Protein backbone atom coordinates (compact mmCIF):
# COMPACT_ATOMS: atom_id res chain seq x y z
CA MET A 1 0.01 0.03 -0.08
CA THR A 2 1.31 3.38 -0.97
CA ILE A 3 -0.38 6.37 0.56
CA ALA A 4 -0.26 10.12 -0.11
CA PHE A 5 1.16 12.26 2.63
CA TYR A 6 0.52 16.02 2.75
CA GLY A 7 2.37 18.49 4.93
CA ILE A 8 5.19 20.92 5.63
CA PRO A 9 8.54 19.22 5.97
CA ASN A 10 9.79 21.30 9.07
CA CYS A 11 6.59 20.79 11.08
CA ASP A 12 7.38 18.90 14.14
CA THR A 13 4.20 16.79 13.94
CA VAL A 14 4.93 16.00 10.25
CA LYS A 15 8.42 14.73 11.21
CA LYS A 16 6.76 12.44 13.86
CA ALA A 17 4.36 11.07 11.37
CA ARG A 18 6.93 10.56 8.72
CA LYS A 19 9.13 8.69 11.24
CA TRP A 20 6.10 6.55 12.18
CA LEU A 21 5.39 5.64 8.67
CA ASP A 22 9.11 4.87 7.92
CA ASP A 23 9.35 2.74 11.18
CA ALA A 24 6.20 0.87 10.09
CA GLY A 25 7.61 0.20 6.43
CA ILE A 26 4.63 2.09 4.92
CA ALA A 27 5.45 3.51 1.67
CA TYR A 28 4.07 7.11 0.86
CA THR A 29 4.48 10.09 -1.56
CA PHE A 30 4.99 13.40 0.17
CA HIS A 31 3.32 16.70 -1.02
CA ASP A 32 5.07 19.63 0.31
CA TYR A 33 2.44 22.48 0.67
CA LYS A 34 5.11 25.13 0.64
CA LYS A 35 6.60 24.00 -2.66
CA GLU A 36 3.55 22.64 -4.30
CA GLY A 37 0.66 24.56 -2.84
CA ALA A 38 -2.86 23.31 -1.81
CA ASP A 39 -5.24 22.16 -4.56
CA PRO A 40 -8.74 23.59 -3.77
CA ALA A 41 -10.54 20.74 -5.51
CA LEU A 42 -8.63 18.31 -3.20
CA LEU A 43 -9.43 20.69 -0.16
CA ARG A 44 -13.08 20.43 -1.04
CA ALA A 45 -13.00 16.72 -1.28
CA TRP A 46 -11.30 16.36 2.11
CA ILE A 47 -14.00 18.81 3.62
CA ALA A 48 -16.75 16.74 2.13
CA ASP A 49 -15.25 13.68 3.76
CA ALA A 50 -14.07 15.16 7.09
CA GLY A 51 -15.52 18.67 7.50
CA TRP A 52 -13.82 21.92 7.24
CA GLU A 53 -13.61 22.19 11.12
CA ALA A 54 -11.31 19.12 11.21
CA LEU A 55 -9.10 20.41 8.38
CA LEU A 56 -8.67 24.15 9.18
CA ASN A 57 -5.96 24.66 11.82
CA ARG A 58 -7.34 27.46 13.95
CA ARG A 59 -4.73 26.98 16.73
CA GLY A 60 -1.75 27.73 14.63
CA THR A 61 -0.05 31.05 14.23
CA THR A 62 -0.93 31.60 10.74
CA PHE A 63 -4.71 31.63 11.69
CA ARG A 64 -4.28 33.45 14.84
CA LYS A 65 -2.51 36.44 12.83
CA LEU A 66 -5.59 36.86 10.58
CA GLU A 67 -7.63 39.94 10.96
CA PRO A 68 -10.79 39.49 13.01
CA GLU A 69 -13.03 39.97 10.10
CA GLN A 70 -11.19 37.03 8.13
CA LYS A 71 -11.95 34.84 11.14
CA GLU A 72 -15.58 35.47 11.04
CA GLY A 73 -18.21 33.72 9.15
CA ILE A 74 -16.05 30.73 8.07
CA ASP A 75 -17.81 28.04 6.11
CA ALA A 76 -16.51 25.46 3.79
CA GLU A 77 -15.78 27.72 0.88
CA LYS A 78 -14.16 30.46 2.99
CA ALA A 79 -12.05 27.75 4.68
CA VAL A 80 -10.96 26.60 1.36
CA ARG A 81 -9.93 30.04 0.11
CA LEU A 82 -8.10 30.57 3.36
CA MET A 83 -6.17 27.21 3.14
CA GLU A 84 -5.38 27.64 -0.49
CA ALA A 85 -3.96 31.22 0.22
CA GLN A 86 -1.98 30.00 3.11
CA PRO A 87 -1.48 26.28 3.31
CA SER A 88 -0.01 26.50 6.89
CA MET A 89 -3.55 26.72 7.99
CA ILE A 90 -4.16 23.19 6.96
CA LYS A 91 -3.96 20.85 9.82
CA ARG A 92 -1.08 18.58 9.46
CA PRO A 93 -0.42 15.93 8.26
CA VAL A 94 -3.21 14.86 5.91
CA VAL A 95 -2.80 11.24 4.80
CA VAL A 96 -4.97 9.74 2.01
CA TYR A 97 -5.05 5.92 1.94
CA PRO A 98 -7.29 3.46 0.22
CA GLY A 99 -10.66 4.04 1.94
CA GLY A 100 -10.27 7.29 3.55
CA ILE A 101 -8.23 10.11 4.97
CA LEU A 102 -6.49 10.96 8.31
CA ILE A 103 -6.18 14.45 9.48
CA GLY A 104 -3.60 15.21 12.16
CA PHE A 105 -1.15 12.58 13.71
CA ASP A 106 -2.46 10.06 16.25
CA ALA A 107 -0.24 7.04 16.44
CA ASP A 108 -2.99 4.74 17.90
CA ARG A 109 -5.54 5.77 15.15
CA TRP A 110 -2.76 5.41 12.42
CA ALA A 111 -1.85 1.83 13.58
CA GLU A 112 -5.45 0.92 13.72
CA VAL A 113 -6.08 2.23 10.07
CA LEU A 114 -2.77 1.75 8.38
CA GLY A 115 -0.92 -0.91 10.55
């Protein structure tokens, strides 16, 4: 099984997740948001599957630096626009595997789904 792994290489959570995958012997392709950007169609698909609330990282520095009016009235489409413009607002990592997606790193959940 090869999975698609989306993130930012210098993110500590992404580093932990990549190490977990390497240690588990799970092959993956890595998509670097900083170099390759975020595809709005893919963001919409993930939102349809998991909801924008799960995907938009509202605890990160990038989101916290937004103007108050940018943080108001967020819905799925506004979330897509924010994440496309600033991929650092996407919760990391996102893993697409046969049968679904995982958002964020939880070793127990990953072992259950990917292990």
